[in-house]
PDB file of all heavy atoms in Angstrom:
ATOM      1  N   GLY A   1       0.809  -1.204   0.005  1.00  0.00           N
ATOM      2  CA  GLY A   1       0.006  -0.009   0.003  1.00  0.00           C
ATOM      3  C   GLY A   1       0.841   1.243   0.003  1.00  0.00           C
ATOM      4  O   GLY A   1       1.136   1.837  -1.045  1.00  0.00           O
ATOM      5  N   ILE A   2       1.240   1.695   1.184  1.00  0.00           N
ATOM      6  CA  ILE A   2       2.051   2.901   1.304  1.00  0.00           C
ATOM      7  C   ILE A   2       3.382   2.755   0.568  1.00  0.00           C
ATOM      8  O   ILE A   2       3.869   3.713  -0.045  1.00  0.00           O
ATOM      9  CB  ILE A   2       2.272   3.239   2.789  1.00  0.00           C
ATOM     10  CG1 ILE A   2       0.930   3.489   3.477  1.00  0.00           C
ATOM     11  CG2 ILE A   2       3.175   4.463   2.927  1.00  0.00           C
ATOM     12  CD1 ILE A   2       0.154   4.628   2.869  1.00  0.00           C
ATOM     13  N   SER A   3       3.986   1.575   0.632  1.00  0.00           N
ATOM     14  CA  SER A   3       5.260   1.362  -0.053  1.00  0.00           C
ATOM     15  C   SER A   3       5.099   1.568  -1.555  1.00  0.00           C
ATOM     16  O   SER A   3       5.974   2.176  -2.203  1.00  0.00           O
ATOM     17  CB  SER A   3       5.774  -0.052   0.236  1.00  0.00           C
ATOM     18  OG  SER A   3       5.980  -0.236   1.612  1.00  0.00           O
ATOM     19  N   ALA A   4       4.000   1.076  -2.124  1.00  0.00           N
ATOM     20  CA  ALA A   4       3.749   1.257  -3.554  1.00  0.00           C
ATOM     21  C   ALA A   4       3.555   2.726  -3.884  1.00  0.00           C
ATOM     22  O   ALA A   4       4.026   3.193  -4.939  1.00  0.00           O
ATOM     23  CB  ALA A   4       2.528   0.436  -3.964  1.00  0.00           C
ATOM     24  N   ILE A   5       2.864   3.451  -3.016  1.00  0.00           N
ATOM     25  CA  ILE A   5       2.640   4.880  -3.251  1.00  0.00           C
ATOM     26  C   ILE A   5       3.958   5.623  -3.274  1.00  0.00           C
ATOM     27  O   ILE A   5       4.261   6.427  -4.165  1.00  0.00           O
ATOM     28  CB  ILE A   5       1.697   5.450  -2.190  1.00  0.00           C
ATOM     29  CG1 ILE A   5       0.286   4.898  -2.387  1.00  0.00           C
ATOM     30  CG2 ILE A   5       1.661   6.970  -2.249  1.00  0.00           C
ATOM     31  CD1 ILE A   5      -0.677   5.331  -1.297  1.00  0.00           C
ATOM     32  N   LEU A   6       4.795   5.388  -2.254  1.00  0.00           N
ATOM     33  CA  LEU A   6       6.077   6.106  -2.150  1.00  0.00           C
ATOM     34  C   LEU A   6       7.012   5.769  -3.279  1.00  0.00           C
ATOM     35  O   LEU A   6       7.684   6.652  -3.834  1.00  0.00           O
ATOM     36  CB  LEU A   6       6.704   5.798  -0.787  1.00  0.00           C
ATOM     37  CG  LEU A   6       5.964   6.292   0.446  1.00  0.00           C
ATOM     38  CD1 LEU A   6       6.657   5.851   1.726  1.00  0.00           C
ATOM     39  CD2 LEU A   6       5.807   7.797   0.435  1.00  0.00           C
ATOM     40  N   LEU A   7       7.098   4.490  -3.636  1.00  0.00           N
ATOM     41  CA  LEU A   7       8.039   4.096  -4.670  1.00  0.00           C
ATOM     42  C   LEU A   7       7.582   4.604  -6.039  1.00  0.00           C
ATOM     43  O   LEU A   7       8.398   5.114  -6.825  1.00  0.00           O
ATOM     44  CB  LEU A   7       8.196   2.579  -4.707  1.00  0.00           C
ATOM     45  CG  LEU A   7       9.227   2.037  -5.704  1.00  0.00           C
ATOM     46  CD1 LEU A   7      10.588   2.670  -5.470  1.00  0.00           C
ATOM     47  CD2 LEU A   7       9.333   0.539  -5.602  1.00  0.00           C
ATOM     48  N   SER A   8       6.291   4.484  -6.367  1.00  0.00           N
ATOM     49  CA  SER A   8       5.812   4.983  -7.651  1.00  0.00           C
ATOM     50  C   SER A   8       5.982   6.486  -7.731  1.00  0.00           C
ATOM     51  O   SER A   8       6.305   7.030  -8.798  1.00  0.00           O
ATOM     52  CB  SER A   8       4.351   4.579  -7.862  1.00  0.00           C
ATOM     53  OG  SER A   8       3.509   5.165  -6.877  1.00  0.00           O
ATOM     54  N   ALA A   9       5.751   7.188  -6.619  1.00  0.00           N
ATOM     55  CA  ALA A   9       5.947   8.644  -6.609  1.00  0.00           C
ATOM     56  C   ALA A   9       7.425   8.978  -6.775  1.00  0.00           C
ATOM     57  O   ALA A   9       7.789   9.951  -7.458  1.00  0.00           O
ATOM     58  CB  ALA A   9       5.423   9.237  -5.304  1.00  0.00           C
ATOM     59  N   GLY A  10       8.318   8.194  -6.172  1.00  0.00           N
ATOM     60  CA  GLY A  10       9.746   8.414  -6.330  1.00  0.00           C
ATOM     61  C   GLY A  10      10.199   8.220  -7.757  1.00  0.00           C
ATOM     62  O   GLY A  10      10.989   9.012  -8.290  1.00  0.00           O
ATOM     63  N   LEU A  11       9.686   7.179  -8.416  1.00  0.00           N
ATOM     64  CA  LEU A  11      10.038   6.965  -9.822  1.00  0.00           C
ATOM     65  C   LEU A  11       9.480   8.064 -10.707  1.00  0.00           C
ATOM     66  O   LEU A  11      10.113   8.481 -11.663  1.00  0.00           O
ATOM     67  CB  LEU A  11       9.489   5.601 -10.295  1.00  0.00           C
ATOM     68  CG  LEU A  11      10.043   4.379  -9.558  1.00  0.00           C
ATOM     69  CD1 LEU A  11       9.461   3.114 -10.139  1.00  0.00           C
ATOM     70  CD2 LEU A  11      11.567   4.336  -9.609  1.00  0.00           C
ATOM     71  N   PHE A  12       8.285   8.554 -10.339  1.00  0.00           N
ATOM     72  CA  PHE A  12       7.709   9.687 -11.078  1.00  0.00           C
ATOM     73  C   PHE A  12       8.586  10.911 -10.951  1.00  0.00           C
ATOM     74  O   PHE A  12       8.777  11.652 -11.956  1.00  0.00           O
ATOM     75  CB  PHE A  12       6.307   9.952 -10.527  1.00  0.00           C
ATOM     76  CG  PHE A  12       5.604  11.112 -11.179  1.00  0.00           C
ATOM     77  CD1 PHE A  12       5.363  11.119 -12.543  1.00  0.00           C
ATOM     78  CD2 PHE A  12       5.162  12.193 -10.417  1.00  0.00           C
ATOM     79  CE1 PHE A  12       4.693  12.180 -13.156  1.00  0.00           C
ATOM     80  CE2 PHE A  12       4.502  13.270 -11.021  1.00  0.00           C
ATOM     81  CZ  PHE A  12       4.272  13.254 -12.392  1.00  0.00           C
ATOM     82  N   GLY A  13       9.134  11.143  -9.783  1.00  0.00           N
ATOM     83  CA  GLY A  13      10.053  12.278  -9.631  1.00  0.00           C
ATOM     84  C   GLY A  13      11.348  12.090 -10.387  1.00  0.00           C
ATOM     85  O   GLY A  13      11.818  13.022 -11.070  1.00  0.00           O
ATOM     86  N   LEU A  14      11.930  10.909 -10.318  1.00  0.00           N
ATOM     87  CA  LEU A  14      13.193  10.654 -11.010  1.00  0.00           C
ATOM     88  C   LEU A  14      13.028  10.741 -12.505  1.00  0.00           C
ATOM     89  O   LEU A  14      13.978  11.119 -13.213  1.00  0.00           O
ATOM     90  CB  LEU A  14      13.737   9.267 -10.628  1.00  0.00           C
ATOM     91  CG  LEU A  14      14.227   9.092  -9.196  1.00  0.00           C
ATOM     92  CD1 LEU A  14      14.598   7.642  -8.942  1.00  0.00           C
ATOM     93  CD2 LEU A  14      15.433   9.996  -8.923  1.00  0.00           C
ATOM     94  N   MET A  15      11.859  10.397 -13.025  1.00  0.00           N
ATOM     95  CA  MET A  15      11.618  10.428 -14.461  1.00  0.00           C
ATOM     96  C   MET A  15      11.847  11.818 -15.043  1.00  0.00           C
ATOM     97  O   MET A  15      12.185  11.978 -16.232  1.00  0.00           O
ATOM     98  CB  MET A  15      10.202   9.928 -14.738  1.00  0.00           C
ATOM     99  CG  MET A  15       9.773   9.939 -16.204  1.00  0.00           C
ATOM    100  SD  MET A  15       9.030  11.506 -16.744  1.00  0.00           S
ATOM    101  CE  MET A  15       7.648  11.645 -15.647  1.00  0.00           C
ATOM    102  N   HIS A  16      11.668  12.852 -14.247  1.00  0.00           N
ATOM    103  CA  HIS A  16      11.840  14.221 -14.761  1.00  0.00           C
ATOM    104  C   HIS A  16      13.287  14.585 -14.992  1.00  0.00           C
ATOM    105  O   HIS A  16      13.597  15.583 -15.645  1.00  0.00           O
ATOM    106  CB  HIS A  16      11.197  15.232 -13.794  1.00  0.00           C
ATOM    107  CG  HIS A  16       9.703  15.179 -13.809  1.00  0.00           C
ATOM    108  ND1 HIS A  16       8.984  14.217 -13.105  1.00  0.00           N
ATOM    109  CD2 HIS A  16       8.780  15.966 -14.422  1.00  0.00           C
ATOM    110  CE1 HIS A  16       7.682  14.440 -13.280  1.00  0.00           C
ATOM    111  NE2 HIS A  16       7.540  15.462 -14.075  1.00  0.00           N
ATOM    112  N   MET A  17      14.213  13.799 -14.434  1.00  0.00           N
ATOM    113  CA  MET A  17      15.623  13.903 -14.715  1.00  0.00           C
ATOM    114  C   MET A  17      16.231  15.258 -14.324  1.00  0.00           C
ATOM    115  O   MET A  17      17.216  15.712 -14.950  1.00  0.00           O
ATOM    116  CB  MET A  17      15.911  13.667 -16.214  1.00  0.00           C
ATOM    117  CG  MET A  17      15.718  12.201 -16.623  1.00  0.00           C
ATOM    118  SD  MET A  17      16.900  11.129 -15.808  1.00  0.00           S
ATOM    119  CE  MET A  17      16.787   9.650 -16.803  1.00  0.00           C
ATOM    120  N   ASN A  18      15.708  15.911 -13.321  1.00  0.00           N
ATOM    121  CA  ASN A  18      16.345  17.091 -12.749  1.00  0.00           C
ATOM    122  C   ASN A  18      15.853  17.243 -11.300  1.00  0.00           C
ATOM    123  O   ASN A  18      14.723  16.862 -10.984  1.00  0.00           O
ATOM    124  CB  ASN A  18      16.053  18.362 -13.562  1.00  0.00           C
ATOM    125  CG  ASN A  18      14.585  18.697 -13.608  1.00  0.00           C
ATOM    126  OD1 ASN A  18      14.058  19.305 -12.670  1.00  0.00           O
ATOM    127  ND2 ASN A  18      13.904  18.330 -14.700  1.00  0.00           N
ATOM    128  N   PHE A  19      16.736  17.784 -10.453  1.00  0.00           N
ATOM    129  CA  PHE A  19      16.430  17.866  -9.038  1.00  0.00           C
ATOM    130  C   PHE A  19      15.293  18.870  -8.749  1.00  0.00           C
ATOM    131  O   PHE A  19      14.553  18.710  -7.793  1.00  0.00           O
ATOM    132  CB  PHE A  19      17.678  18.266  -8.233  1.00  0.00           C
ATOM    133  CG  PHE A  19      18.665  17.159  -8.095  1.00  0.00           C
ATOM    134  CD1 PHE A  19      19.870  17.191  -8.806  1.00  0.00           C
ATOM    135  CD2 PHE A  19      18.410  16.093  -7.263  1.00  0.00           C
ATOM    136  CE1 PHE A  19      20.773  16.154  -8.661  1.00  0.00           C
ATOM    137  CE2 PHE A  19      19.336  15.061  -7.112  1.00  0.00           C
ATOM    138  CZ  PHE A  19      20.508  15.069  -7.827  1.00  0.00           C
ATOM    139  N   ASN A  20      15.156  19.867  -9.588  1.00  0.00           N
ATOM    140  CA  ASN A  20      14.129  20.881  -9.362  1.00  0.00           C
ATOM    141  C   ASN A  20      12.732  20.258  -9.435  1.00  0.00           C
ATOM    142  O   ASN A  20      11.916  20.426  -8.522  1.00  0.00           O
ATOM    143  CB  ASN A  20      14.253  21.998 -10.409  1.00  0.00           C
ATOM    144  CG  ASN A  20      13.121  22.989 -10.368  1.00  0.00           C
ATOM    145  OD1 ASN A  20      12.352  23.091 -11.323  1.00  0.00           O
ATOM    146  ND2 ASN A  20      12.963  23.700  -9.252  1.00  0.00           N
ATOM    147  N   GLN A  21      12.433  19.559 -10.504  1.00  0.00           N
ATOM    148  CA  GLN A  21      11.119  18.941 -10.655  1.00  0.00           C
ATOM    149  C   GLN A  21      10.950  17.663  -9.857  1.00  0.00           C
ATOM    150  O   GLN A  21       9.825  17.308  -9.488  1.00  0.00           O
ATOM    151  CB  GLN A  21      10.836  18.672 -12.124  1.00  0.00           C
ATOM    152  CG  GLN A  21      10.646  19.900 -12.989  1.00  0.00           C
ATOM    153  CD  GLN A  21      10.418  19.567 -14.433  1.00  0.00           C
ATOM    154  OE1 GLN A  21      11.328  19.125 -15.134  1.00  0.00           O
ATOM    155  NE2 GLN A  21       9.210  19.734 -14.893  1.00  0.00           N
ATOM    156  N   ALA A  22      12.056  16.971  -9.589  1.00  0.00           N
ATOM    157  CA  ALA A  22      11.965  15.679  -8.921  1.00  0.00           C
ATOM    158  C   ALA A  22      11.334  15.783  -7.536  1.00  0.00           C
ATOM    159  O   ALA A  22      10.516  14.943  -7.151  1.00  0.00           O
ATOM    160  CB  ALA A  22      13.352  15.042  -8.818  1.00  0.00           C
ATOM    161  N   LEU A  23      11.683  16.814  -6.771  1.00  0.00           N
ATOM    162  CA  LEU A  23      11.209  16.939  -5.407  1.00  0.00           C
ATOM    163  C   LEU A  23       9.695  17.150  -5.367  1.00  0.00           C
ATOM    164  O   LEU A  23       8.965  16.441  -4.684  1.00  0.00           O
ATOM    165  CB  LEU A  23      11.938  18.061  -4.693  1.00  0.00           C
ATOM    166  CG  LEU A  23      11.582  18.225  -3.192  1.00  0.00           C
ATOM    167  CD1 LEU A  23      11.871  16.962  -2.431  1.00  0.00           C
ATOM    168  CD2 LEU A  23      12.327  19.412  -2.597  1.00  0.00           C
ATOM    169  N   TYR A  24       9.209  18.181  -6.098  1.00  0.00           N
ATOM    170  CA  TYR A  24       7.778  18.420  -6.031  1.00  0.00           C
ATOM    171  C   TYR A  24       6.980  17.401  -6.821  1.00  0.00           C
ATOM    172  O   TYR A  24       5.802  17.171  -6.536  1.00  0.00           O
ATOM    173  CB  TYR A  24       7.426  19.850  -6.409  1.00  0.00           C
ATOM    174  CG  TYR A  24       7.673  20.286  -7.834  1.00  0.00           C
ATOM    175  CD1 TYR A  24       6.844  19.916  -8.878  1.00  0.00           C
ATOM    176  CD2 TYR A  24       8.746  21.145  -8.145  1.00  0.00           C
ATOM    177  CE1 TYR A  24       7.041  20.341 -10.168  1.00  0.00           C
ATOM    178  CE2 TYR A  24       8.947  21.590  -9.440  1.00  0.00           C
ATOM    179  CZ  TYR A  24       8.094  21.167 -10.443  1.00  0.00           C
ATOM    180  OH  TYR A  24       8.296  21.615 -11.729  1.00  0.00           O
ATOM    181  N   ALA A  25       7.588  16.764  -7.833  1.00  0.00           N
ATOM    182  CA  ALA A  25       6.873  15.699  -8.540  1.00  0.00           C
ATOM    183  C   ALA A  25       6.684  14.501  -7.619  1.00  0.00           C
ATOM    184  O   ALA A  25       5.663  13.794  -7.718  1.00  0.00           O
ATOM    185  CB  ALA A  25       7.669  15.279  -9.785  1.00  0.00           C
ATOM    186  N   PHE A  26       7.636  14.235  -6.718  1.00  0.00           N
ATOM    187  CA  PHE A  26       7.473  13.171  -5.738  1.00  0.00           C
ATOM    188  C   PHE A  26       6.278  13.453  -4.837  1.00  0.00           C
ATOM    189  O   PHE A  26       5.455  12.554  -4.572  1.00  0.00           O
ATOM    190  CB  PHE A  26       8.756  13.054  -4.918  1.00  0.00           C
ATOM    191  CG  PHE A  26       8.639  12.128  -3.750  1.00  0.00           C
ATOM    192  CD1 PHE A  26       8.534  10.755  -3.885  1.00  0.00           C
ATOM    193  CD2 PHE A  26       8.606  12.648  -2.430  1.00  0.00           C
ATOM    194  CE1 PHE A  26       8.429   9.904  -2.790  1.00  0.00           C
ATOM    195  CE2 PHE A  26       8.490  11.798  -1.333  1.00  0.00           C
ATOM    196  CZ  PHE A  26       8.382  10.437  -1.542  1.00  0.00           C
ATOM    197  N   ALA A  27       6.164  14.697  -4.364  1.00  0.00           N
ATOM    198  CA  ALA A  27       5.026  15.054  -3.498  1.00  0.00           C
ATOM    199  C   ALA A  27       3.712  14.946  -4.264  1.00  0.00           C
ATOM    200  O   ALA A  27       2.693  14.424  -3.751  1.00  0.00           O
ATOM    201  CB  ALA A  27       5.224  16.453  -2.924  1.00  0.00           C
ATOM    202  N   ILE A  28       3.698  15.456  -5.496  1.00  0.00           N
ATOM    203  CA  ILE A  28       2.473  15.363  -6.292  1.00  0.00           C
ATOM    204  C   ILE A  28       2.116  13.907  -6.577  1.00  0.00           C
ATOM    205  O   ILE A  28       0.917  13.530  -6.556  1.00  0.00           O
ATOM    206  CB  ILE A  28       2.667  16.146  -7.618  1.00  0.00           C
ATOM    207  CG1 ILE A  28       2.806  17.625  -7.335  1.00  0.00           C
ATOM    208  CG2 ILE A  28       1.492  15.888  -8.579  1.00  0.00           C
ATOM    209  CD1 ILE A  28       3.100  18.474  -8.592  1.00  0.00           C
ATOM    210  N   GLY A  29       3.123  13.085  -6.801  1.00  0.00           N
ATOM    211  CA  GLY A  29       2.872  11.665  -7.084  1.00  0.00           C
ATOM    212  C   GLY A  29       2.183  10.958  -5.923  1.00  0.00           C
ATOM    213  O   GLY A  29       1.340  10.074  -6.126  1.00  0.00           O
ATOM    214  N   ILE A  30       2.513  11.349  -4.704  1.00  0.00           N
ATOM    215  CA  ILE A  30       1.854  10.759  -3.536  1.00  0.00           C
ATOM    216  C   ILE A  30       0.378  11.131  -3.533  1.00  0.00           C
ATOM    217  O   ILE A  30      -0.509  10.269  -3.344  1.00  0.00           O
ATOM    218  CB  ILE A  30       2.541  11.250  -2.239  1.00  0.00           C
ATOM    219  CG1 ILE A  30       3.956  10.678  -2.161  1.00  0.00           C
ATOM    220  CG2 ILE A  30       1.705  10.823  -1.016  1.00  0.00           C
ATOM    221  CD1 ILE A  30       4.742  11.201  -0.979  1.00  0.00           C
ATOM    222  N   PHE A  31       0.062  12.410  -3.762  1.00  0.00           N
ATOM    223  CA  PHE A  31      -1.330  12.843  -3.785  1.00  0.00           C
ATOM    224  C   PHE A  31      -2.090  12.177  -4.930  1.00  0.00           C
ATOM    225  O   PHE A  31      -3.270  11.801  -4.768  1.00  0.00           O
ATOM    226  CB  PHE A  31      -1.385  14.364  -3.898  1.00  0.00           C
ATOM    227  CG  PHE A  31      -1.307  15.084  -2.597  1.00  0.00           C
ATOM    228  CD1 PHE A  31      -0.088  15.543  -2.118  1.00  0.00           C
ATOM    229  CD2 PHE A  31      -2.423  15.284  -1.805  1.00  0.00           C
ATOM    230  CE1 PHE A  31       0.001  16.199  -0.907  1.00  0.00           C
ATOM    231  CE2 PHE A  31      -2.356  15.932  -0.582  1.00  0.00           C
ATOM    232  CZ  PHE A  31      -1.123  16.397  -0.127  1.00  0.00           C
ATOM    233  N   LEU A  32      -1.461  12.035  -6.079  1.00  0.00           N
ATOM    234  CA  LEU A  32      -2.140  11.433  -7.220  1.00  0.00           C
ATOM    235  C   LEU A  32      -2.485   9.977  -6.952  1.00  0.00           C
ATOM    236  O   LEU A  32      -3.565   9.503  -7.311  1.00  0.00           O
ATOM    237  CB  LEU A  32      -1.250  11.564  -8.476  1.00  0.00           C
ATOM    238  CG  LEU A  32      -1.083  12.977  -9.002  1.00  0.00           C
ATOM    239  CD1 LEU A  32      -0.053  12.999 -10.144  1.00  0.00           C
ATOM    240  CD2 LEU A  32      -2.398  13.569  -9.499  1.00  0.00           C
ATOM    241  N   ALA A  33      -1.553   9.236  -6.338  1.00  0.00           N
ATOM    242  CA  ALA A  33      -1.835   7.835  -6.021  1.00  0.00           C
ATOM    243  C   ALA A  33      -2.959   7.721  -4.975  1.00  0.00           C
ATOM    244  O   ALA A  33      -3.802   6.847  -5.047  1.00  0.00           O
ATOM    245  CB  ALA A  33      -0.564   7.140  -5.508  1.00  0.00           C
ATOM    246  N   LEU A  34      -2.959   8.636  -3.999  1.00  0.00           N
ATOM    247  CA  LEU A  34      -4.027   8.632  -2.997  1.00  0.00           C
ATOM    248  C   LEU A  34      -5.376   8.945  -3.640  1.00  0.00           C
ATOM    249  O   LEU A  34      -6.404   8.364  -3.269  1.00  0.00           O
ATOM    250  CB  LEU A  34      -3.729   9.636  -1.902  1.00  0.00           C
ATOM    251  CG  LEU A  34      -2.557   9.298  -0.968  1.00  0.00           C
ATOM    252  CD1 LEU A  34      -2.271  10.457  -0.034  1.00  0.00           C
ATOM    253  CD2 LEU A  34      -2.868   8.027  -0.156  1.00  0.00           C
ATOM    254  N   LEU A  35      -5.387   9.814  -4.635  1.00  0.00           N
ATOM    255  CA  LEU A  35      -6.638  10.118  -5.334  1.00  0.00           C
ATOM    256  C   LEU A  35      -7.147   8.899  -6.101  1.00  0.00           C
ATOM    257  O   LEU A  35      -8.353   8.644  -6.168  1.00  0.00           O
ATOM    258  CB  LEU A  35      -6.421  11.300  -6.294  1.00  0.00           C
ATOM    259  CG  LEU A  35      -6.399  12.681  -5.664  1.00  0.00           C
ATOM    260  CD1 LEU A  35      -6.027  13.736  -6.697  1.00  0.00           C
ATOM    261  CD2 LEU A  35      -7.749  13.028  -5.037  1.00  0.00           C
ATOM    262  N   VAL A  36      -6.209   8.151  -6.721  1.00  0.00           N
ATOM    263  CA  VAL A  36      -6.615   6.937  -7.428  1.00  0.00           C
ATOM    264  C   VAL A  36      -7.263   5.955  -6.456  1.00  0.00           C
ATOM    265  O   VAL A  36      -8.305   5.327  -6.755  1.00  0.00           O
ATOM    266  CB  VAL A  36      -5.396   6.295  -8.114  1.00  0.00           C
ATOM    267  CG1 VAL A  36      -5.735   4.909  -8.648  1.00  0.00           C
ATOM    268  CG2 VAL A  36      -4.910   7.186  -9.258  1.00  0.00           C
ATOM    269  N   GLU A  37      -6.666   5.800  -5.287  1.00  0.00           N
ATOM    270  CA  GLU A  37      -7.245   4.879  -4.283  1.00  0.00           C
ATOM    271  C   GLU A  37      -8.570   5.400  -3.755  1.00  0.00           C
ATOM    272  O   GLU A  37      -9.506   4.633  -3.519  1.00  0.00           O
ATOM    273  CB  GLU A  37      -6.269   4.690  -3.125  1.00  0.00           C
ATOM    274  CG  GLU A  37      -5.030   3.890  -3.472  1.00  0.00           C
ATOM    275  CD  GLU A  37      -5.335   2.419  -3.700  1.00  0.00           C
ATOM    276  OE1 GLU A  37      -6.455   1.977  -3.393  1.00  0.00           O
ATOM    277  OE2 GLU A  37      -4.445   1.721  -4.183  1.00  0.00           O
ATOM    278  N   ALA A  38      -8.664   6.711  -3.552  1.00  0.00           N
ATOM    279  CA  ALA A  38      -9.896   7.280  -2.991  1.00  0.00           C
ATOM    280  C   ALA A  38     -11.061   7.165  -3.970  1.00  0.00           C
ATOM    281  O   ALA A  38     -12.186   6.827  -3.572  1.00  0.00           O
ATOM    282  CB  ALA A  38      -9.667   8.743  -2.604  1.00  0.00           C
ATOM    283  N   ALA A  39     -10.808   7.433  -5.245  1.00  0.00           N
ATOM    284  CA  ALA A  39     -11.878   7.419  -6.233  1.00  0.00           C
ATOM    285  C   ALA A  39     -12.033   6.040  -6.906  1.00  0.00           C
ATOM    286  O   ALA A  39     -13.051   5.796  -7.530  1.00  0.00           O
ATOM    287  CB  ALA A  39     -11.619   8.485  -7.302  1.00  0.00           C
ATOM    288  N   GLY A  40     -11.008   5.208  -6.791  1.00  0.00           N
ATOM    289  CA  GLY A  40     -11.070   3.894  -7.438  1.00  0.00           C
ATOM    290  C   GLY A  40     -10.989   3.969  -8.935  1.00  0.00           C
ATOM    291  O   GLY A  40     -11.474   3.076  -9.628  1.00  0.00           O
ATOM    292  N   SER A  41     -10.371   5.025  -9.447  1.00  0.00           N
ATOM    293  CA  SER A  41     -10.289   5.201 -10.896  1.00  0.00           C
ATOM    294  C   SER A  41      -9.064   6.014 -11.237  1.00  0.00           C
ATOM    295  O   SER A  41      -8.672   6.946 -10.531  1.00  0.00           O
ATOM    296  CB  SER A  41     -11.536   5.914 -11.418  1.00  0.00           C
ATOM    297  OG  SER A  41     -11.404   6.234 -12.777  1.00  0.00           O
ATOM    298  N   LEU A  42      -8.469   5.668 -12.374  1.00  0.00           N
ATOM    299  CA  LEU A  42      -7.326   6.410 -12.862  1.00  0.00           C
ATOM    300  C   LEU A  42      -7.732   7.802 -13.366  1.00  0.00           C
ATOM    301  O   LEU A  42      -6.897   8.701 -13.460  1.00  0.00           O
ATOM    302  CB  LEU A  42      -6.616   5.631 -13.987  1.00  0.00           C
ATOM    303  CG  LEU A  42      -5.228   6.079 -14.395  1.00  0.00           C
ATOM    304  CD1 LEU A  42      -4.270   6.010 -13.228  1.00  0.00           C
ATOM    305  CD2 LEU A  42      -4.711   5.231 -15.560  1.00  0.00           C
ATOM    306  N   TRP A  43      -9.014   7.988 -13.656  1.00  0.00           N
ATOM    307  CA  TRP A  43      -9.507   9.291 -14.077  1.00  0.00           C
ATOM    308  C   TRP A  43      -9.247  10.363 -13.008  1.00  0.00           C
ATOM    309  O   TRP A  43      -9.093  11.542 -13.335  1.00  0.00           O
ATOM    310  CB  TRP A  43     -10.982   9.251 -14.422  1.00  0.00           C
ATOM    311  CG  TRP A  43     -11.305   8.677 -15.753  1.00  0.00           C
ATOM    312  CD1 TRP A  43     -12.152   7.622 -16.016  1.00  0.00           C
ATOM    313  CD2 TRP A  43     -10.825   9.115 -17.035  1.00  0.00           C
ATOM    314  NE1 TRP A  43     -12.208   7.371 -17.369  1.00  0.00           N
ATOM    315  CE2 TRP A  43     -11.405   8.282 -18.012  1.00  0.00           C
ATOM    316  CE3 TRP A  43      -9.954  10.140 -17.435  1.00  0.00           C
ATOM    317  CZ2 TRP A  43     -11.131   8.427 -19.374  1.00  0.00           C
ATOM    318  CZ3 TRP A  43      -9.672  10.276 -18.784  1.00  0.00           C
ATOM    319  CH2 TRP A  43     -10.276   9.449 -19.738  1.00  0.00           C
TER     320      TRP A  43
END
């Protein structure tokens, strides 16, 4: 659960390939995964 959220968010941050976007993309990735779980949909 939480491990999947953190790791997928970390990979999402690393994918941007720069430290500037990586940090806030990691935070956004956590919220996005929580939204998927809350709504039960990728939409």
